[in-house]
Amino acid sequence: MVATPAIGQEVMDDGSRVVLPLETQQCDLPTAPPPIPETPMKEDLLKAQKAVKQFQKDMEIYRACISDDSLSDTWSDGNRVAVTNAHNYSVEMEERVATMFNEAVRAYKARYAKDSN
């Protein structure tokens, strides 16, 4: 019987599967900060700013953990692809969080400017 890869699981030219190496599976991907209220007050934005900064620091730690060069000599091509995918996903996640925060700040400023006129 020949084993077939799971649906959606990519197999590399060297026969390896795209899967995170065991060492990197121990790295904790941070969760996004809590949502900002739809009509935030200044205090909400300051609290969100602190949470976003912590999230960014936690993401740096995560990316350093998954990209541990001391382990990369033992990785297959599939492991390398999986680590790259995990890294890219973490960057995209961080960008989405930053975009949501920036949109909330712009909306707050627009509302404040409108209320002061």
N, C-alpha and C. Protein backbone atom coordinates (compact mmCIF):
# COMPACT_ATOMS: atom_id res chain seq x y z
N MET A 1 0.84 -1.17 0.00
CA MET A 1 0.00 0.00 0.00
C MET A 1 0.88 1.23 0.00
N VAL A 2 0.57 2.19 -0.86
CA VAL A 2 1.34 3.43 -0.98
C VAL A 2 0.61 4.52 -0.21
N ALA A 3 1.35 5.20 0.65
CA ALA A 3 0.74 6.31 1.40
C ALA A 3 0.57 7.50 0.49
N THR A 4 -0.58 8.14 0.58
CA THR A 4 -0.82 9.34 -0.21
C THR A 4 -0.90 10.53 0.73
N PRO A 5 -0.47 11.68 0.26
CA PRO A 5 -0.52 12.85 1.13
C PRO A 5 -1.95 13.26 1.44
N ALA A 6 -2.14 13.87 2.58
CA ALA A 6 -3.46 14.37 2.96
C ALA A 6 -3.89 15.45 1.98
N ILE A 7 -5.17 15.62 1.83
CA ILE A 7 -5.69 16.64 0.92
C ILE A 7 -5.13 18.00 1.35
N GLY A 8 -4.63 18.74 0.38
CA GLY A 8 -4.11 20.07 0.66
C GLY A 8 -2.68 20.06 1.20
N GLN A 9 -2.09 18.90 1.37
CA GLN A 9 -0.74 18.84 1.89
C GLN A 9 0.22 18.71 0.71
N GLU A 10 1.05 19.70 0.55
CA GLU A 10 1.97 19.75 -0.58
C GLU A 10 3.16 18.83 -0.34
N VAL A 11 3.58 18.14 -1.41
CA VAL A 11 4.76 17.29 -1.36
C VAL A 11 5.83 17.95 -2.22
N MET A 12 7.02 18.09 -1.68
CA MET A 12 8.13 18.75 -2.36
C MET A 12 8.85 17.77 -3.29
N ASP A 13 9.71 18.30 -4.16
CA ASP A 13 10.49 17.47 -5.08
C ASP A 13 11.35 16.44 -4.36
N ASP A 14 11.80 16.78 -3.14
CA ASP A 14 12.64 15.83 -2.40
C ASP A 14 11.81 14.77 -1.67
N GLY A 15 10.48 14.80 -1.87
CA GLY A 15 9.60 13.83 -1.24
C GLY A 15 9.09 14.24 0.13
N SER A 16 9.60 15.35 0.65
CA SER A 16 9.16 15.79 1.98
C SER A 16 7.81 16.51 1.88
N ARG A 17 7.09 16.48 2.98
CA ARG A 17 5.80 17.16 3.06
C ARG A 17 5.99 18.53 3.68
N VAL A 18 5.11 19.45 3.31
CA VAL A 18 5.15 20.80 3.86
C VAL A 18 4.51 20.75 5.25
N VAL A 19 5.36 20.65 6.25
CA VAL A 19 4.91 20.58 7.64
C VAL A 19 5.96 21.27 8.51
N LEU A 20 5.49 21.99 9.51
CA LEU A 20 6.43 22.66 10.41
C LEU A 20 7.29 21.63 11.14
N PRO A 21 8.58 21.90 11.25
CA PRO A 21 9.44 21.00 12.03
C PRO A 21 8.94 20.93 13.47
N LEU A 22 9.16 19.80 14.11
CA LEU A 22 8.68 19.60 15.48
C LEU A 22 9.12 20.73 16.41
N GLU A 23 10.36 21.18 16.28
CA GLU A 23 10.88 22.23 17.16
C GLU A 23 10.06 23.51 17.04
N THR A 24 9.66 23.84 15.81
CA THR A 24 8.93 25.09 15.60
C THR A 24 7.45 24.96 15.96
N GLN A 25 6.97 23.73 16.05
CA GLN A 25 5.57 23.54 16.46
C GLN A 25 5.38 23.93 17.93
N GLN A 26 6.47 24.03 18.66
CA GLN A 26 6.41 24.43 20.07
C GLN A 26 6.32 25.95 20.24
N CYS A 27 6.54 26.70 19.16
CA CYS A 27 6.49 28.17 19.21
C CYS A 27 5.03 28.62 19.31
N ASP A 28 4.79 29.59 20.16
CA ASP A 28 3.42 30.07 20.38
C ASP A 28 3.09 31.25 19.48
N LEU A 29 2.16 31.02 18.55
CA LEU A 29 1.66 32.10 17.71
C LEU A 29 0.73 32.96 18.56
N PRO A 30 1.07 34.24 18.74
CA PRO A 30 0.23 35.10 19.58
C PRO A 30 -1.18 35.27 19.00
N THR A 31 -2.12 35.46 19.87
CA THR A 31 -3.48 35.77 19.42
C THR A 31 -3.58 37.28 19.24
N ALA A 32 -4.45 37.67 18.33
CA ALA A 32 -4.65 39.10 18.07
C ALA A 32 -5.24 39.76 19.30
N PRO A 33 -4.94 41.05 19.48
CA PRO A 33 -5.53 41.77 20.61
C PRO A 33 -7.05 41.84 20.47
N PRO A 34 -7.73 42.13 21.58
CA PRO A 34 -9.19 42.22 21.51
C PRO A 34 -9.64 43.33 20.55
N PRO A 35 -10.83 43.19 19.98
CA PRO A 35 -11.31 44.21 19.04
C PRO A 35 -11.48 45.57 19.72
N ILE A 36 -11.34 46.60 18.92
CA ILE A 36 -11.53 47.97 19.40
C ILE A 36 -13.02 48.28 19.22
N PRO A 37 -13.65 48.95 20.20
CA PRO A 37 -15.06 49.31 20.04
C PRO A 37 -15.29 50.10 18.75
N GLU A 38 -16.49 49.98 18.19
CA GLU A 38 -16.79 50.67 16.93
C GLU A 38 -16.66 52.18 17.03
N THR A 39 -17.07 52.75 18.12
CA THR A 39 -16.89 54.18 18.33
C THR A 39 -16.02 54.36 19.57
N PRO A 40 -14.72 54.18 19.39
CA PRO A 40 -13.82 54.20 20.54
C PRO A 40 -13.64 55.58 21.13
N MET A 41 -13.41 55.59 22.41
CA MET A 41 -13.03 56.81 23.11
C MET A 41 -11.49 56.83 23.15
N LYS A 42 -10.93 57.94 23.57
CA LYS A 42 -9.47 58.05 23.62
C LYS A 42 -8.86 56.95 24.48
N GLU A 43 -9.49 56.63 25.60
CA GLU A 43 -8.99 55.60 26.50
C GLU A 43 -8.96 54.23 25.81
N ASP A 44 -9.98 53.97 24.97
CA ASP A 44 -10.02 52.72 24.21
C ASP A 44 -8.84 52.62 23.26
N LEU A 45 -8.52 53.74 22.61
CA LEU A 45 -7.42 53.74 21.65
C LEU A 45 -6.07 53.60 22.36
N LEU A 46 -5.93 54.21 23.51
CA LEU A 46 -4.68 54.08 24.26
C LEU A 46 -4.49 52.64 24.74
N LYS A 47 -5.56 52.03 25.19
CA LYS A 47 -5.51 50.63 25.61
C LYS A 47 -5.19 49.73 24.42
N ALA A 48 -5.82 50.00 23.28
CA ALA A 48 -5.58 49.23 22.07
C ALA A 48 -4.14 49.41 21.59
N GLN A 49 -3.63 50.62 21.68
CA GLN A 49 -2.26 50.88 21.25
C GLN A 49 -1.26 50.04 22.06
N LYS A 50 -1.48 49.99 23.35
CA LYS A 50 -0.62 49.18 24.22
C LYS A 50 -0.71 47.70 23.84
N ALA A 51 -1.93 47.23 23.58
CA ALA A 51 -2.13 45.82 23.21
C ALA A 51 -1.48 45.51 21.86
N VAL A 52 -1.57 46.44 20.91
CA VAL A 52 -0.98 46.24 19.59
C VAL A 52 0.54 46.20 19.70
N LYS A 53 1.12 47.08 20.50
CA LYS A 53 2.58 47.08 20.68
C LYS A 53 3.04 45.77 21.30
N GLN A 54 2.31 45.27 22.29
CA GLN A 54 2.67 43.99 22.90
C GLN A 54 2.54 42.86 21.90
N PHE A 55 1.48 42.90 21.10
CA PHE A 55 1.27 41.90 20.07
C PHE A 55 2.44 41.88 19.08
N GLN A 56 2.91 43.07 18.69
CA GLN A 56 4.03 43.17 17.77
C GLN A 56 5.30 42.58 18.39
N LYS A 57 5.53 42.84 19.66
CA LYS A 57 6.70 42.27 20.35
C LYS A 57 6.58 40.75 20.40
N ASP A 58 5.39 40.26 20.72
CA ASP A 58 5.15 38.82 20.78
C ASP A 58 5.36 38.17 19.41
N MET A 59 4.97 38.85 18.35
CA MET A 59 5.18 38.34 16.99
C MET A 59 6.66 38.26 16.66
N GLU A 60 7.44 39.23 17.09
CA GLU A 60 8.88 39.18 16.87
C GLU A 60 9.48 37.95 17.54
N ILE A 61 9.03 37.67 18.76
CA ILE A 61 9.51 36.49 19.48
C ILE A 61 9.10 35.22 18.74
N TYR A 62 7.86 35.17 18.27
CA TYR A 62 7.38 34.01 17.52
C TYR A 62 8.21 33.78 16.27
N ARG A 63 8.43 34.84 15.50
CA ARG A 63 9.20 34.69 14.26
C ARG A 63 10.64 34.27 14.54
N ALA A 64 11.22 34.77 15.61
CA ALA A 64 12.57 34.33 15.98
C ALA A 64 12.56 32.85 16.34
N CYS A 65 11.52 32.42 17.01
CA CYS A 65 11.41 31.01 17.42
C CYS A 65 11.28 30.09 16.22
N ILE A 66 10.40 30.43 15.27
CA ILE A 66 10.20 29.53 14.13
C ILE A 66 11.35 29.59 13.14
N SER A 67 12.12 30.63 13.18
CA SER A 67 13.21 30.79 12.22
C SER A 67 14.57 30.48 12.83
N ASP A 68 14.60 29.67 13.85
CA ASP A 68 15.84 29.35 14.55
C ASP A 68 16.85 28.71 13.58
N ASP A 69 17.82 29.51 13.15
CA ASP A 69 18.81 29.04 12.17
C ASP A 69 19.65 27.87 12.67
N SER A 70 19.78 27.71 13.97
CA SER A 70 20.59 26.61 14.49
C SER A 70 19.96 25.25 14.18
N LEU A 71 18.67 25.25 13.89
CA LEU A 71 17.97 23.99 13.60
C LEU A 71 17.80 23.75 12.11
N SER A 72 17.97 24.78 11.30
CA SER A 72 17.59 24.70 9.89
C SER A 72 18.41 23.69 9.08
N ASP A 73 19.57 23.28 9.54
CA ASP A 73 20.37 22.29 8.81
C ASP A 73 19.68 20.93 8.75
N THR A 74 18.79 20.66 9.69
CA THR A 74 18.11 19.37 9.73
C THR A 74 16.75 19.39 9.01
N TRP A 75 16.34 20.55 8.50
CA TRP A 75 15.03 20.68 7.89
C TRP A 75 15.02 20.20 6.45
N SER A 76 13.91 19.58 6.06
CA SER A 76 13.70 19.21 4.66
C SER A 76 13.22 20.44 3.89
N ASP A 77 13.12 20.31 2.58
CA ASP A 77 12.59 21.41 1.78
C ASP A 77 11.17 21.75 2.22
N GLY A 78 10.38 20.70 2.52
CA GLY A 78 9.01 20.92 2.98
C GLY A 78 8.97 21.67 4.30
N ASN A 79 9.90 21.36 5.20
CA ASN A 79 9.99 22.10 6.47
C ASN A 79 10.27 23.57 6.21
N ARG A 80 11.19 23.84 5.30
CA ARG A 80 11.56 25.23 4.99
C ARG A 80 10.37 26.00 4.42
N VAL A 81 9.61 25.36 3.55
CA VAL A 81 8.42 25.99 2.99
C VAL A 81 7.41 26.26 4.09
N ALA A 82 7.21 25.31 4.98
CA ALA A 82 6.25 25.48 6.07
C ALA A 82 6.67 26.63 6.99
N VAL A 83 7.95 26.72 7.29
CA VAL A 83 8.45 27.82 8.15
C VAL A 83 8.25 29.16 7.45
N THR A 84 8.53 29.21 6.16
CA THR A 84 8.32 30.44 5.39
C THR A 84 6.84 30.82 5.40
N ASN A 85 5.96 29.83 5.20
CA ASN A 85 4.52 30.09 5.22
C ASN A 85 4.07 30.61 6.58
N ALA A 86 4.59 30.01 7.65
CA ALA A 86 4.23 30.45 9.01
C ALA A 86 4.72 31.87 9.25
N HIS A 87 5.92 32.16 8.80
CA HIS A 87 6.48 33.51 8.94
C HIS A 87 5.61 34.51 8.19
N ASN A 88 5.29 34.21 6.93
CA ASN A 88 4.47 35.12 6.13
C ASN A 88 3.09 35.32 6.73
N TYR A 89 2.50 34.25 7.25
CA TYR A 89 1.19 34.36 7.89
C TYR A 89 1.26 35.30 9.10
N SER A 90 2.32 35.19 9.88
CA SER A 90 2.45 36.04 11.07
C SER A 90 2.61 37.50 10.68
N VAL A 91 3.32 37.77 9.58
CA VAL A 91 3.47 39.14 9.10
C VAL A 91 2.12 39.68 8.63
N GLU A 92 1.38 38.87 7.88
CA GLU A 92 0.06 39.29 7.40
C GLU A 92 -0.88 39.56 8.58
N MET A 93 -0.83 38.71 9.57
CA MET A 93 -1.67 38.88 10.76
C MET A 93 -1.32 40.20 11.47
N GLU A 94 -0.04 40.46 11.61
CA GLU A 94 0.41 41.70 12.25
C GLU A 94 -0.03 42.93 11.45
N GLU A 95 0.06 42.84 10.14
CA GLU A 95 -0.37 43.94 9.28
C GLU A 95 -1.87 44.19 9.41
N ARG A 96 -2.67 43.12 9.48
CA ARG A 96 -4.12 43.28 9.64
C ARG A 96 -4.45 43.97 10.95
N VAL A 97 -3.77 43.57 12.02
CA VAL A 97 -4.00 44.18 13.33
C VAL A 97 -3.63 45.66 13.28
N ALA A 98 -2.49 45.98 12.68
CA ALA A 98 -2.05 47.37 12.59
C ALA A 98 -3.03 48.19 11.74
N THR A 99 -3.52 47.61 10.66
CA THR A 99 -4.48 48.31 9.80
C THR A 99 -5.77 48.61 10.56
N MET A 100 -6.27 47.63 11.31
CA MET A 100 -7.50 47.86 12.08
C MET A 100 -7.30 48.96 13.12
N PHE A 101 -6.14 48.95 13.77
CA PHE A 101 -5.85 49.99 14.76
C PHE A 101 -5.78 51.36 14.08
N ASN A 102 -5.06 51.45 12.98
CA ASN A 102 -4.93 52.73 12.27
C ASN A 102 -6.28 53.24 11.76
N GLU A 103 -7.13 52.33 11.30
CA GLU A 103 -8.46 52.74 10.86
C GLU A 103 -9.29 53.28 12.02
N ALA A 104 -9.17 52.66 13.18
CA ALA A 104 -9.89 53.12 14.36
C ALA A 104 -9.39 54.51 14.78
N VAL A 105 -8.10 54.74 14.70
CA VAL A 105 -7.54 56.05 15.04
C VAL A 105 -8.04 57.10 14.06
N ARG A 106 -8.01 56.78 12.76
CA ARG A 106 -8.49 57.74 11.75
C ARG A 106 -9.97 58.05 11.96
N ALA A 107 -10.77 57.04 12.24
CA ALA A 107 -12.20 57.25 12.47
C ALA A 107 -12.42 58.13 13.71
N TYR A 108 -11.64 57.88 14.75
CA TYR A 108 -11.73 58.68 15.97
C TYR A 108 -11.38 60.13 15.66
N LYS A 109 -10.29 60.34 14.96
CA LYS A 109 -9.86 61.71 14.62
C LYS A 109 -10.90 62.40 13.75
N ALA A 110 -11.47 61.69 12.79
CA ALA A 110 -12.49 62.27 11.92
C ALA A 110 -13.73 62.63 12.72
N ARG A 111 -14.13 61.76 13.63
CA ARG A 111 -15.30 62.03 14.47
C ARG A 111 -15.03 63.21 15.38
N TYR A 112 -13.83 63.28 15.95
CA TYR A 112 -13.47 64.37 16.84
C TYR A 112 -13.42 65.69 16.09
N ALA A 113 -12.87 65.69 14.88
CA ALA A 113 -12.79 66.90 14.07
C ALA A 113 -14.19 67.36 13.68
N LYS A 114 -15.06 66.41 13.36
CA LYS A 114 -16.44 66.73 12.98
C LYS A 114 -17.20 67.31 14.17
N ASP A 115 -16.99 66.73 15.38
CA ASP A 115 -17.68 67.20 16.57
C ASP A 115 -17.20 68.57 17.03
N SER A 116 -15.94 68.92 16.69
CA SER A 116 -15.40 70.21 17.16
C SER A 116 -15.73 71.35 16.23
N ASN A 117 -16.31 71.06 15.05
CA ASN A 117 -16.68 72.13 14.10
C ASN A 117 -18.05 72.66 14.37
